[in-house]
């Protein structure tokens, strides 16, 4: 089974100059914990609810702080044509619950999360992924 078969294709790119308040409001509205950050159609980072809490709120930054100041610039991703078992193992090793999905032209085409594996992949991949992300750092 390929990632394209289980991924969520309803993704929203936020701009690096948007405020963390706007990013948090978008996350709330979309009921997600992270947003890909793009410059045009180029993926340049990820911002998570944890980034906002730890890198902004804990440091006393205000809500108008641009996303670029708190986003994670090192982007982990997978390809839409990759096998779900391989991606699950990689996510478990990285201890991440979600990954952006790109096509071979390096364009963002979706997102795959722990929930997608639970609903769409075989139990072996999901089981390994859950064990990996649940392991303490």
C-alpha atoms as a PDB file:
ATOM      1  CA  UNK A   1       0.000   0.000   0.000  1.00  0.00           C
ATOM      2  CA  UNK A   2       1.275   3.477  -0.898  1.00  0.00           C
ATOM      3  CA  UNK A   3       1.131   6.619   1.225  1.00  0.00           C
ATOM      4  CA  UNK A   4      -1.105   8.259  -1.400  1.00  0.00           C
ATOM      5  CA  UNK A   5      -3.813   5.732  -0.481  1.00  0.00           C
ATOM      6  CA  UNK A   6      -4.042   6.800   3.174  1.00  0.00           C
ATOM      7  CA  UNK A   7      -2.839  10.436   3.261  1.00  0.00           C
ATOM      8  CA  UNK A   8      -4.985  13.490   3.831  1.00  0.00           C
ATOM      9  CA  UNK A   9      -4.949  15.734   0.759  1.00  0.00           C
ATOM     10  CA  UNK A  10      -6.731  18.639   2.469  1.00  0.00           C
ATOM     11  CA  UNK A  11      -3.685  20.677   3.466  1.00  0.00           C
ATOM     12  CA  UNK A  12      -3.201  24.373   4.018  1.00  0.00           C
ATOM     13  CA  UNK A  13       0.134  26.161   3.641  1.00  0.00           C
ATOM     14  CA  UNK A  14       0.759  29.141   5.883  1.00  0.00           C
ATOM     15  CA  UNK A  15       3.153  31.941   4.975  1.00  0.00           C
ATOM     16  CA  UNK A  16       6.302  32.588   7.028  1.00  0.00           C
ATOM     17  CA  UNK A  17       5.294  36.205   7.647  1.00  0.00           C
ATOM     18  CA  UNK A  18       1.882  35.270   9.135  1.00  0.00           C
ATOM     19  CA  UNK A  19       1.629  35.740  12.888  1.00  0.00           C
ATOM     20  CA  UNK A  20       1.712  32.835  15.300  1.00  0.00           C
ATOM     21  CA  UNK A  21      -1.756  33.949  16.419  1.00  0.00           C
ATOM     22  CA  UNK A  22      -3.064  33.444  12.871  1.00  0.00           C
ATOM     23  CA  UNK A  23      -1.293  30.074  12.676  1.00  0.00           C
ATOM     24  CA  UNK A  24      -2.845  28.982  15.987  1.00  0.00           C
ATOM     25  CA  UNK A  25      -6.297  30.135  14.849  1.00  0.00           C
ATOM     26  CA  UNK A  26      -5.886  28.144  11.619  1.00  0.00           C
ATOM     27  CA  UNK A  27      -4.819  25.066  13.599  1.00  0.00           C
ATOM     28  CA  UNK A  28      -7.868  25.452  15.826  1.00  0.00           C
ATOM     29  CA  UNK A  29     -10.235  25.896  12.881  1.00  0.00           C
ATOM     30  CA  UNK A  30      -8.755  22.912  11.014  1.00  0.00           C
ATOM     31  CA  UNK A  31      -8.378  20.816  14.204  1.00  0.00           C
ATOM     32  CA  UNK A  32      -4.697  20.079  13.487  1.00  0.00           C
ATOM     33  CA  UNK A  33      -1.506  20.388  15.506  1.00  0.00           C
ATOM     34  CA  UNK A  34       0.816  21.552  12.753  1.00  0.00           C
ATOM     35  CA  UNK A  35       0.930  23.558   9.566  1.00  0.00           C
ATOM     36  CA  UNK A  36       3.373  23.415   6.698  1.00  0.00           C
ATOM     37  CA  UNK A  37       5.024  26.773   6.027  1.00  0.00           C
ATOM     38  CA  UNK A  38       5.488  27.754   2.415  1.00  0.00           C
ATOM     39  CA  UNK A  39       7.082  30.435   0.348  1.00  0.00           C
ATOM     40  CA  UNK A  40       4.890  30.303  -2.732  1.00  0.00           C
ATOM     41  CA  UNK A  41       4.546  26.581  -3.441  1.00  0.00           C
ATOM     42  CA  UNK A  42       7.908  25.746  -1.845  1.00  0.00           C
ATOM     43  CA  UNK A  43       7.834  24.028   1.561  1.00  0.00           C
ATOM     44  CA  UNK A  44      10.287  25.861   3.846  1.00  0.00           C
ATOM     45  CA  UNK A  45       9.280  24.719   7.318  1.00  0.00           C
ATOM     46  CA  UNK A  46       6.689  23.401   9.728  1.00  0.00           C
ATOM     47  CA  UNK A  47       5.056  25.137  12.647  1.00  0.00           C
ATOM     48  CA  UNK A  48       3.405  23.099  15.378  1.00  0.00           C
ATOM     49  CA  UNK A  49       1.325  23.900  18.420  1.00  0.00           C
ATOM     50  CA  UNK A  50       4.390  22.844  20.420  1.00  0.00           C
ATOM     51  CA  UNK A  51       6.605  25.324  18.522  1.00  0.00           C
ATOM     52  CA  UNK A  52       4.189  28.087  19.441  1.00  0.00           C
ATOM     53  CA  UNK A  53       4.033  27.039  23.111  1.00  0.00           C
ATOM     54  CA  UNK A  54       7.732  26.300  23.653  1.00  0.00           C
ATOM     55  CA  UNK A  55       9.499  28.647  21.234  1.00  0.00           C
ATOM     56  CA  UNK A  56       7.135  31.590  21.557  1.00  0.00           C
ATOM     57  CA  UNK A  57       4.970  31.623  24.679  1.00  0.00           C
ATOM     58  CA  UNK A  58       7.647  30.204  27.006  1.00  0.00           C
ATOM     59  CA  UNK A  59      10.111  32.829  25.731  1.00  0.00           C
ATOM     60  CA  UNK A  60       7.616  35.662  26.167  1.00  0.00           C
ATOM     61  CA  UNK A  61       7.180  36.436  22.462  1.00  0.00           C
ATOM     62  CA  UNK A  62       3.949  38.173  21.552  1.00  0.00           C
ATOM     63  CA  UNK A  63       1.178  36.764  19.395  1.00  0.00           C
ATOM     64  CA  UNK A  64       2.179  38.960  16.443  1.00  0.00           C
ATOM     65  CA  UNK A  65       5.545  37.184  16.133  1.00  0.00           C
ATOM     66  CA  UNK A  66       6.011  35.887  12.586  1.00  0.00           C
ATOM     67  CA  UNK A  67       5.783  32.138  12.094  1.00  0.00           C
ATOM     68  CA  UNK A  68       9.316  32.098  10.604  1.00  0.00           C
ATOM     69  CA  UNK A  69      10.745  32.934  14.054  1.00  0.00           C
ATOM     70  CA  UNK A  70       9.381  29.784  15.712  1.00  0.00           C
ATOM     71  CA  UNK A  71       8.962  27.281  12.865  1.00  0.00           C
ATOM     72  CA  UNK A  72      11.084  24.194  12.458  1.00  0.00           C
ATOM     73  CA  UNK A  73      13.217  24.637   9.370  1.00  0.00           C
ATOM     74  CA  UNK A  74      14.496  21.064   9.150  1.00  0.00           C
ATOM     75  CA  UNK A  75      11.677  19.425   7.248  1.00  0.00           C
ATOM     76  CA  UNK A  76      11.104  15.691   7.399  1.00  0.00           C
ATOM     77  CA  UNK A  77       8.809  14.415   4.668  1.00  0.00           C
ATOM     78  CA  UNK A  78       7.884  11.368   2.668  1.00  0.00           C
ATOM     79  CA  UNK A  79       6.863  10.761  -0.932  1.00  0.00           C
ATOM     80  CA  UNK A  80       3.338   9.906  -2.022  1.00  0.00           C
ATOM     81  CA  UNK A  81       4.566   6.769  -3.820  1.00  0.00           C
ATOM     82  CA  UNK A  82       6.421   5.328  -0.821  1.00  0.00           C
ATOM     83  CA  UNK A  83       5.255   2.150   0.860  1.00  0.00           C
ATOM     84  CA  UNK A  84       3.318   2.772   4.097  1.00  0.00           C
ATOM     85  CA  UNK A  85       5.392   0.221   6.020  1.00  0.00           C
ATOM     86  CA  UNK A  86       8.616   2.061   5.136  1.00  0.00           C
ATOM     87  CA  UNK A  87       7.131   5.420   6.093  1.00  0.00           C
ATOM     88  CA  UNK A  88       5.752   4.021   9.372  1.00  0.00           C
ATOM     89  CA  UNK A  89       9.207   2.692  10.280  1.00  0.00           C
ATOM     90  CA  UNK A  90      10.785   6.036   9.413  1.00  0.00           C
ATOM     91  CA  UNK A  91       8.210   7.961  11.468  1.00  0.00           C
ATOM     92  CA  UNK A  92       8.765   5.599  14.405  1.00  0.00           C
ATOM     93  CA  UNK A  93      12.537   6.091  14.179  1.00  0.00           C
ATOM     94  CA  UNK A  94      12.097   9.869  14.012  1.00  0.00           C
ATOM     95  CA  UNK A  95       9.429   9.755  16.755  1.00  0.00           C
ATOM     96  CA  UNK A  96       7.062  11.967  14.766  1.00  0.00           C
ATOM     97  CA  UNK A  97       3.286  11.672  14.535  1.00  0.00           C
ATOM     98  CA  UNK A  98       2.851  13.386  11.168  1.00  0.00           C
ATOM     99  CA  UNK A  99       4.768  14.089   7.977  1.00  0.00           C
ATOM    100  CA  UNK A 100       4.182  16.268   4.945  1.00  0.00           C
ATOM    101  CA  UNK A 101       3.809  14.238   1.755  1.00  0.00           C
ATOM    102  CA  UNK A 102       5.390  15.481  -1.449  1.00  0.00           C
ATOM    103  CA  UNK A 103       5.380  14.159  -4.981  1.00  0.00           C
ATOM    104  CA  UNK A 104       8.513  13.497  -7.016  1.00  0.00           C
ATOM    105  CA  UNK A 105       8.314  17.077  -8.350  1.00  0.00           C
ATOM    106  CA  UNK A 106       8.824  18.216  -4.707  1.00  0.00           C
ATOM    107  CA  UNK A 107       5.318  19.709  -4.471  1.00  0.00           C
ATOM    108  CA  UNK A 108       3.278  19.328  -1.297  1.00  0.00           C
ATOM    109  CA  UNK A 109       0.372  16.975  -2.035  1.00  0.00           C
ATOM    110  CA  UNK A 110      -0.793  15.902   1.409  1.00  0.00           C
ATOM    111  CA  UNK A 111      -0.089  15.003   4.977  1.00  0.00           C
ATOM    112  CA  UNK A 112       0.112  11.619   6.652  1.00  0.00           C
ATOM    113  CA  UNK A 113      -0.466  11.203  10.375  1.00  0.00           C
ATOM    114  CA  UNK A 114      -0.703   8.524  12.994  1.00  0.00           C
ATOM    115  CA  UNK A 115      -4.490   8.632  12.585  1.00  0.00           C
ATOM    116  CA  UNK A 116      -4.184   7.955   8.837  1.00  0.00           C
ATOM    117  CA  UNK A 117      -2.186   4.820   9.581  1.00  0.00           C
ATOM    118  CA  UNK A 118      -4.719   3.718  12.192  1.00  0.00           C
ATOM    119  CA  UNK A 119      -7.596   4.076   9.728  1.00  0.00           C
ATOM    120  CA  UNK A 120      -6.000   3.066   6.450  1.00  0.00           C
ATOM    121  CA  UNK A 121      -2.897   0.911   6.862  1.00  0.00           C
ATOM    122  CA  UNK A 122      -2.370  -2.620   8.073  1.00  0.00           C
ATOM    123  CA  UNK A 123      -1.968  -3.209  11.816  1.00  0.00           C
ATOM    124  CA  UNK A 124       1.742  -4.037  11.586  1.00  0.00           C
ATOM    125  CA  UNK A 125       2.702  -0.581  10.316  1.00  0.00           C
ATOM    126  CA  UNK A 126       0.437   1.146  12.812  1.00  0.00           C
ATOM    127  CA  UNK A 127       1.652  -0.943  15.723  1.00  0.00           C
ATOM    128  CA  UNK A 128       5.309  -0.191  14.933  1.00  0.00           C
ATOM    129  CA  UNK A 129       4.590   3.509  14.513  1.00  0.00           C
ATOM    130  CA  UNK A 130       2.714   3.764  17.812  1.00  0.00           C
ATOM    131  CA  UNK A 131       5.534   2.010  19.654  1.00  0.00           C
ATOM    132  CA  UNK A 132       8.079   4.348  18.068  1.00  0.00           C
ATOM    133  CA  UNK A 133       6.332   7.623  18.841  1.00  0.00           C
ATOM    134  CA  UNK A 134       5.350   6.478  22.328  1.00  0.00           C
ATOM    135  CA  UNK A 135       8.955   5.725  23.318  1.00  0.00           C
ATOM    136  CA  UNK A 136      10.326   8.428  25.640  1.00  0.00           C
ATOM    137  CA  UNK A 137      13.054  10.610  24.090  1.00  0.00           C
END
